[in-house]
Amino acid sequence: MMTFDTNSITSDDRPTLPVRHGRFNITVPQITYQASCPPGLENSLERMAEKDLFGKKLIRRYFSYLYRRRLSKSTIKSYEVTLFAFITFLKANGRYFIETIVRDDIGVYVEYEQDRGMSLNTVNTRLRAIYAFLQFLADREIIHPKVLNRKIRIKLSDTLPRAIDPEDIRCLLKMIVNRRDRALILTLLRTGMRIGELLNTKLIDINLAEKRIDIFEAQKNRVGRVVYISNDALTALKRWLKVKKSTSDYIFGGHGGRPLSYEAARMVFIKYLRKAGLDHKGYTLHALRHTFASELLNAGMRLECLQQLLGHSSIEMTRRYARLTDNRRKEEYFEAMKIIEKEGIGGHYRRDHSIPAIY
């Protein structure tokens, strides 16, 4: 599929066409078409050629489509890895053309990844990517639409977000004296930003006077939002920026003017977990975001407000935190238990007889 790419046209090499406009003859650049392709995809296509994998032209066509839809780089990369693995698997199992894929191929691939020990969440993510690719092909009559009939569904466990215990947070923060590290950890904890969002935040994106950070494009759904900075995080940021020597445009700069890497930020977090004696508890950097959400709900913030701060596209994603941090439910439980413990199991405490018995 070809698409017009304005970046491919320069003022020096564009051919022109004569056009009649009223009484005047003018020339306009001739439109040329070329396939747009995500940066880095050529390397993957070369690897496919080295492994003699099939479907390179269709994959290029599909990723040009994704690129024009402006999917995030991380999403495109995830799809790239998935399709590379899927086609490698298909070839190993006797398939040589994408057009010959059948529904059972998908099921066998899912079983293969599960048998290898891949988590259900990852398998489900890969399955969605495969179906998106196959839907693209079916819409263009490249494969038979019946391949998409009765799609495989993976039932995932509805786990609670993992927040850090308040006492553990206090222990963790006591260990952090380095100005950069304290600013990094406190900003994540008090803004609820995703780690990638904070690492890609530039100095021009932060307004210290108004205590806000502008996220122009969210990491996951590419929707911009504003987050706010608490007083303790603001103090930490100001102290860090006073001594920041890097000429990088980023608040937390790495080597060569680039932002600090995720791995470097993760190692900072792990270092202080160890110092605080918390490294055995399985906390991750993302747990700071979960902690931010649960603490705000405990403090009485409305779900709709928290949804905007977190950048969730669906309030159902935010609602998970309500299950984790419903203080009112906790209070009602202990109020009821006081009555039960006082009266005993067979006590004559009052109950609402309109509520049906639970068996």
Protein backbone atom coordinates (compact mmCIF):
# COMPACT_ATOMS: atom_id res chain seq x y z
CA MET A 1 0.00 0.00 0.00
CA MET A 2 1.38 3.38 -0.97
CA THR A 3 0.82 6.60 0.83
CA PHE A 4 1.73 10.21 0.27
CA ASP A 5 4.74 11.16 2.35
CA THR A 6 5.39 14.90 2.53
CA ASN A 7 8.75 14.28 4.16
CA SER A 8 10.02 12.62 1.00
CA ILE A 9 9.63 15.82 -1.05
CA THR A 10 12.24 18.55 -1.09
CA SER A 11 12.08 21.96 -2.75
CA ASP A 12 15.06 21.10 -5.01
CA ASP A 13 14.04 17.75 -6.45
CA ARG A 14 10.26 17.91 -6.74
CA PRO A 15 8.99 17.65 -10.31
CA THR A 16 6.43 20.30 -11.23
CA LEU A 17 3.24 20.28 -13.26
CA PRO A 18 1.71 23.25 -15.14
CA VAL A 19 -1.74 24.17 -13.84
CA ARG A 20 -4.23 26.71 -15.21
CA HIS A 21 -5.70 28.90 -12.41
CA GLY A 22 -8.02 31.59 -13.74
CA ARG A 23 -6.00 33.85 -16.07
CA PHE A 24 -2.67 32.61 -14.74
CA ASN A 25 -0.46 29.65 -15.52
CA ILE A 26 1.24 28.35 -12.37
CA THR A 27 3.29 25.31 -11.48
CA VAL A 28 2.73 23.07 -8.49
CA PRO A 29 4.86 20.22 -7.13
CA GLN A 30 3.97 16.83 -8.53
CA ILE A 31 2.73 14.51 -5.77
CA THR A 32 4.84 11.42 -5.34
CA TYR A 33 3.91 8.40 -3.29
CA GLN A 34 6.08 6.16 -1.21
CA ALA A 35 5.50 3.65 1.55
CA SER A 36 5.92 5.02 5.02
CA CYS A 37 7.69 2.60 7.32
CA PRO A 38 8.41 2.73 11.05
CA PRO A 39 12.05 3.47 11.86
CA GLY A 40 13.88 0.29 12.76
CA LEU A 41 11.48 -2.02 10.93
CA GLU A 42 13.98 -2.49 8.10
CA ASN A 43 16.33 -4.23 10.55
CA SER A 44 13.59 -6.68 11.51
CA LEU A 45 12.76 -7.34 7.87
CA GLU A 46 16.43 -8.02 7.22
CA ARG A 47 16.47 -10.51 10.10
CA MET A 48 13.40 -12.18 8.59
CA ALA A 49 15.24 -12.48 5.28
CA GLU A 50 18.28 -13.98 7.04
CA LYS A 51 16.05 -16.59 8.67
CA ASP A 52 14.22 -17.11 5.36
CA LEU A 53 10.87 -16.28 6.95
CA PHE A 54 7.84 -15.64 4.79
CA GLY A 55 5.41 -12.71 4.74
CA LYS A 56 7.89 -9.81 4.61
CA LYS A 57 5.88 -7.80 2.08
CA LEU A 58 2.63 -8.18 4.01
CA ILE A 59 4.32 -7.28 7.28
CA ARG A 60 5.85 -4.17 5.72
CA ARG A 61 2.39 -3.25 4.42
CA TYR A 62 0.82 -3.81 7.84
CA PHE A 63 3.40 -1.79 9.75
CA SER A 64 3.11 1.06 7.27
CA TYR A 65 -0.59 1.04 8.17
CA LEU A 66 0.19 1.08 11.91
CA TYR A 67 2.72 3.86 11.41
CA ARG A 68 0.17 6.04 9.60
CA ARG A 69 -2.28 5.46 12.43
CA ARG A 70 0.37 6.95 14.75
CA LEU A 71 0.52 4.06 17.18
CA SER A 72 3.17 4.53 19.84
CA LYS A 73 6.70 3.26 19.22
CA SER A 74 6.37 0.79 22.09
CA THR A 75 3.15 -0.66 20.64
CA ILE A 76 4.65 -1.02 17.18
CA LYS A 77 7.74 -2.67 18.66
CA SER A 78 5.55 -5.08 20.65
CA TYR A 79 3.64 -6.04 17.48
CA GLU A 80 6.92 -6.45 15.63
CA VAL A 81 8.32 -8.88 18.23
CA THR A 82 5.04 -10.82 18.32
CA LEU A 83 4.69 -11.27 14.57
CA PHE A 84 8.36 -12.22 14.22
CA ALA A 85 7.86 -14.96 16.84
CA PHE A 86 4.53 -16.09 15.35
CA ILE A 87 5.87 -16.47 11.82
CA THR A 88 9.01 -18.22 13.09
CA PHE A 89 6.71 -20.69 14.85
CA LEU A 90 4.54 -21.16 11.75
CA LYS A 91 7.54 -21.92 9.56
CA ALA A 92 8.84 -24.45 12.09
CA ASN A 93 5.44 -26.15 11.86
CA GLY A 94 5.25 -26.44 8.09
CA ARG A 95 3.64 -23.17 6.99
CA TYR A 96 5.27 -21.25 4.15
CA PHE A 97 2.65 -18.63 3.25
CA ILE A 98 0.62 -16.32 5.47
CA GLU A 99 -2.34 -16.83 3.12
CA THR A 100 -2.57 -20.48 4.23
CA ILE A 101 -2.97 -19.76 7.98
CA VAL A 102 -5.94 -21.52 9.59
CA ARG A 103 -7.64 -21.03 12.94
CA ASP A 104 -5.94 -24.05 14.51
CA ASP A 105 -2.51 -22.49 13.91
CA ILE A 106 -3.39 -19.75 16.39
CA GLY A 107 -4.51 -22.22 19.03
CA VAL A 108 -1.38 -24.33 18.67
CA TYR A 109 0.80 -21.22 18.98
CA VAL A 110 -0.98 -20.18 22.19
CA GLU A 111 -0.41 -23.65 23.66
CA TYR A 112 3.25 -23.52 22.60
CA GLU A 113 3.86 -20.21 24.41
CA GLN A 114 2.02 -21.42 27.52
CA ASP A 115 4.08 -24.61 27.56
CA ARG A 116 7.24 -22.48 27.40
CA GLY A 117 6.16 -20.79 30.62
CA MET A 118 5.06 -17.46 29.16
CA SER A 119 2.68 -15.61 31.50
CA LEU A 120 -0.99 -15.53 30.58
CA ASN A 121 -0.90 -11.73 30.38
CA THR A 122 1.93 -11.84 27.83
CA VAL A 123 0.24 -14.60 25.84
CA ASN A 124 -2.96 -12.56 25.80
CA THR A 125 -1.09 -9.47 24.61
CA ARG A 126 0.52 -11.47 21.80
CA LEU A 127 -2.82 -13.01 20.88
CA ARG A 128 -4.39 -9.56 20.50
CA ALA A 129 -1.53 -8.46 18.26
CA ILE A 130 -1.88 -11.56 16.07
CA TYR A 131 -5.63 -11.08 15.70
CA ALA A 132 -5.14 -7.41 14.81
CA PHE A 133 -2.73 -8.44 12.03
CA LEU A 134 -5.05 -11.17 10.76
CA GLN A 135 -8.01 -8.76 10.80
CA PHE A 136 -5.98 -6.39 8.64
CA LEU A 137 -5.35 -9.22 6.17
CA ALA A 138 -8.96 -10.41 6.20
CA ASP A 139 -10.25 -6.88 5.54
CA ARG A 140 -8.11 -6.86 2.39
CA GLU A 141 -9.21 -10.38 1.36
CA ILE A 142 -5.69 -11.76 1.75
CA ILE A 143 -6.82 -14.50 4.16
CA HIS A 144 -10.22 -16.11 4.60
CA PRO A 145 -12.34 -14.33 7.25
CA LYS A 146 -13.28 -17.66 8.87
CA VAL A 147 -9.79 -17.68 10.42
CA LEU A 148 -11.20 -15.07 12.80
CA ASN A 149 -14.33 -17.03 13.71
CA ARG A 150 -14.72 -18.00 17.37
CA LYS A 151 -11.64 -16.14 18.56
CA ILE A 152 -9.60 -17.73 21.32
CA ARG A 153 -10.20 -16.03 24.66
CA ILE A 154 -7.80 -16.32 27.57
CA LYS A 155 -9.33 -15.87 30.99
CA LEU A 156 -7.00 -13.73 33.05
CA SER A 157 -6.94 -13.49 36.80
CA ASP A 158 -8.32 -10.19 38.05
CA THR A 159 -5.43 -9.33 40.32
CA LEU A 160 -5.28 -6.29 42.57
CA PRO A 161 -2.71 -3.56 41.92
CA ARG A 162 0.29 -3.91 44.24
CA ALA A 163 0.74 -0.78 46.35
CA ILE A 164 3.60 -0.21 48.79
CA ASP A 165 2.71 -0.32 52.48
CA PRO A 166 2.76 3.17 54.10
CA GLU A 167 5.34 2.12 56.67
CA ASP A 168 7.54 0.73 53.90
CA ILE A 169 7.26 4.03 52.03
CA ARG A 170 8.51 5.87 55.12
CA CYS A 171 11.44 3.47 55.46
CA LEU A 172 12.27 3.81 51.77
CA LEU A 173 12.25 7.61 51.75
CA LYS A 174 14.45 7.76 54.86
CA MET A 175 17.19 5.98 52.90
CA ILE A 176 17.25 8.43 49.97
CA VAL A 177 19.62 11.36 50.50
CA ASN A 178 20.96 11.78 46.96
CA ARG A 179 19.17 14.79 45.45
CA ARG A 180 18.55 13.31 42.02
CA ASP A 181 17.37 9.97 43.36
CA ARG A 182 15.03 11.58 45.91
CA ALA A 183 13.53 13.83 43.23
CA LEU A 184 13.04 10.84 40.93
CA ILE A 185 11.34 8.59 43.50
CA LEU A 186 9.20 11.33 45.08
CA THR A 187 8.01 12.65 41.70
CA LEU A 188 6.88 9.17 40.68
CA LEU A 189 5.18 8.66 44.03
CA ARG A 190 3.39 12.03 44.12
CA THR A 191 2.38 12.44 40.45
CA GLY A 192 1.45 8.87 39.50
CA MET A 193 3.39 9.24 36.25
CA ARG A 194 4.51 6.14 34.41
CA ILE A 195 8.28 5.76 34.63
CA GLY A 196 8.69 6.24 30.87
CA GLU A 197 6.66 9.43 31.01
CA LEU A 198 8.83 10.95 33.73
CA LEU A 199 12.11 9.91 32.12
CA ASN A 200 11.01 11.60 28.87
CA THR A 201 9.89 14.79 30.63
CA LYS A 202 11.93 17.83 29.63
CA LEU A 203 12.64 20.96 31.63
CA ILE A 204 10.21 22.95 29.47
CA ASP A 205 7.40 20.54 30.44
CA ILE A 206 7.54 21.38 34.14
CA ASN A 207 6.05 24.52 35.72
CA LEU A 208 7.37 24.80 39.26
CA ALA A 209 5.37 27.96 40.00
CA GLU A 210 2.09 26.23 39.21
CA LYS A 211 3.24 22.87 40.61
CA ARG A 212 2.43 20.97 37.43
CA ILE A 213 3.96 18.79 34.74
CA ASP A 214 2.50 18.74 31.24
CA ILE A 215 2.51 15.32 29.61
CA PHE A 216 1.89 16.11 25.97
CA GLU A 217 1.60 12.50 24.88
CA ALA A 218 0.96 9.69 27.33
CA GLN A 219 3.19 6.63 27.04
CA LYS A 220 0.41 4.08 26.52
CA ASN A 221 -2.61 5.76 24.93
CA ARG A 222 -0.92 8.87 23.47
CA VAL A 223 -3.43 11.16 25.18
CA GLY A 224 -1.97 14.25 26.84
CA ARG A 225 -2.73 15.22 30.42
CA VAL A 226 -1.56 17.39 33.30
CA VAL A 227 -0.29 16.06 36.63
CA TYR A 228 0.40 18.05 39.77
CA ILE A 229 3.38 18.10 42.12
CA SER A 230 3.00 17.87 45.90
CA ASN A 231 5.01 20.15 48.18
CA ASP A 232 7.52 17.48 49.22
CA ALA A 233 8.13 16.40 45.60
CA LEU A 234 8.40 20.05 44.55
CA THR A 235 11.06 20.68 47.20
CA ALA A 236 12.99 17.62 46.05
CA LEU A 237 12.81 18.71 42.41
CA LYS A 238 13.98 22.24 43.18
CA ARG A 239 16.92 20.91 45.21
CA TRP A 240 17.88 18.58 42.34
CA LEU A 241 17.61 21.23 39.62
CA LYS A 242 19.86 23.58 41.62
CA VAL A 243 22.76 21.14 41.41
CA LYS A 244 21.94 19.49 38.07
CA LYS A 245 25.10 19.79 35.95
CA SER A 246 23.98 17.92 32.85
CA THR A 247 23.19 20.05 29.81
CA SER A 248 20.48 17.58 28.83
CA ASP A 249 17.01 18.98 28.11
CA TYR A 250 15.56 16.22 30.27
CA ILE A 251 14.87 16.58 34.00
CA PHE A 252 16.68 13.30 34.56
CA GLY A 253 19.37 13.13 31.90
CA GLY A 254 21.50 10.18 30.91
CA HIS A 255 24.53 9.91 28.64
CA GLY A 256 24.85 11.86 25.41
CA GLY A 257 21.95 14.19 26.09
CA ARG A 258 19.52 11.31 26.21
CA PRO A 259 17.08 10.71 29.07
CA LEU A 260 18.04 8.45 31.95
CA SER A 261 17.38 4.86 30.91
CA TYR A 262 14.65 2.73 32.47
CA GLU A 263 17.24 0.21 33.64
CA ALA A 264 19.26 2.94 35.41
CA ALA A 265 16.11 4.21 37.15
CA ARG A 266 15.16 0.67 38.14
CA MET A 267 18.59 0.06 39.67
CA VAL A 268 18.28 3.28 41.69
CA PHE A 269 14.98 2.03 43.12
CA ILE A 270 16.37 -1.44 43.87
CA LYS A 271 19.40 0.09 45.62
CA TYR A 272 17.20 1.93 48.12
CA LEU A 273 14.89 -1.05 48.60
CA ARG A 274 17.96 -3.02 49.69
CA LYS A 275 19.12 -0.26 52.01
CA ALA A 276 15.66 -0.15 53.61
CA GLY A 277 15.57 -3.97 53.93
CA LEU A 278 12.57 -4.18 51.57
CA ASP A 279 14.11 -5.98 48.59
CA HIS A 280 12.41 -9.25 49.54
CA LYS A 281 8.91 -7.78 49.17
CA GLY A 282 8.81 -7.72 45.37
CA TYR A 283 8.11 -4.00 44.97
CA THR A 284 8.66 -2.54 41.50
CA LEU A 285 9.00 1.02 40.21
CA HIS A 286 5.43 0.76 38.89
CA ALA A 287 4.27 0.07 42.45
CA LEU A 288 4.90 3.78 43.13
CA ARG A 289 2.11 4.59 40.68
CA HIS A 290 -0.20 2.08 42.40
CA THR A 291 0.68 3.64 45.75
CA PHE A 292 -0.13 7.12 44.44
CA ALA A 293 -3.58 5.95 43.31
CA SER A 294 -4.47 4.05 46.46
CA GLU A 295 -3.38 6.90 48.77
CA LEU A 296 -5.48 9.47 46.88
CA LEU A 297 -8.55 7.25 47.03
CA ASN A 298 -8.00 6.71 50.75
CA ALA A 299 -7.87 10.49 51.12
CA GLY A 300 -11.30 10.81 49.48
CA MET A 301 -10.52 11.66 45.85
CA ARG A 302 -13.28 10.80 43.36
CA LEU A 303 -12.60 8.00 40.87
CA GLU A 304 -13.33 10.30 37.92
CA CYS A 305 -10.65 12.75 39.08
CA LEU A 306 -8.11 10.01 39.70
CA GLN A 307 -8.81 8.58 36.24
CA GLN A 308 -7.70 11.85 34.65
CA LEU A 309 -4.55 12.07 36.75
CA LEU A 310 -3.56 8.51 35.90
CA GLY A 311 -4.39 8.92 32.22
CA HIS A 312 -6.65 5.88 32.09
CA SER A 313 -8.80 5.64 28.97
CA SER A 314 -11.44 3.67 30.88
CA ILE A 315 -12.69 4.28 34.40
CA GLU A 316 -12.86 0.50 34.85
CA MET A 317 -9.06 0.49 34.98
CA THR A 318 -9.18 3.06 37.78
CA ARG A 319 -11.93 1.19 39.60
CA ARG A 320 -9.49 -1.60 40.45
CA TYR A 321 -7.93 0.70 43.04
CA ALA A 322 -11.30 1.15 44.75
CA ARG A 323 -11.28 -2.58 45.54
CA LEU A 324 -7.84 -2.14 47.07
CA THR A 325 -8.43 0.99 49.13
CA ASP A 326 -12.10 1.25 50.11
CA ASN A 327 -11.72 2.54 53.67
CA ARG A 328 -15.47 2.75 54.13
CA ARG A 329 -15.79 -0.98 53.47
CA LYS A 330 -13.03 -1.60 55.99
CA GLU A 331 -14.77 0.56 58.61
CA GLU A 332 -18.11 -1.17 58.09
CA TYR A 333 -16.46 -4.57 58.39
CA PHE A 334 -14.86 -3.79 61.75
CA GLU A 335 -18.01 -2.09 63.05
CA ALA A 336 -19.97 -5.24 62.25
CA MET A 337 -17.29 -7.48 63.76
CA LYS A 338 -17.38 -5.54 67.04
CA ILE A 339 -21.04 -6.40 67.36
CA ILE A 340 -20.47 -10.05 66.47
CA GLU A 341 -17.54 -10.42 68.87
CA LYS A 342 -19.48 -8.75 71.68
CA GLU A 343 -22.61 -10.86 71.28
CA GLY A 344 -20.95 -14.10 70.24
CA ILE A 345 -21.69 -16.33 67.25
CA GLY A 346 -25.21 -17.09 68.43
CA GLY A 347 -25.91 -13.54 69.60
CA HIS A 348 -29.18 -11.69 69.06
CA TYR A 349 -27.69 -8.76 67.23
CA ARG A 350 -30.01 -7.07 64.80
CA ARG A 351 -29.88 -7.93 61.14
CA ASP A 352 -31.75 -6.71 58.07
CA HIS A 353 -34.23 -9.51 57.33
CA SER A 354 -34.88 -8.11 53.86
CA ILE A 355 -31.44 -9.32 52.81
CA PRO A 356 -31.61 -12.93 51.55
CA ALA A 357 -29.51 -15.49 53.33
CA ILE A 358 -26.16 -16.37 51.77
CA TYR A 359 -25.38 -20.03 51.38
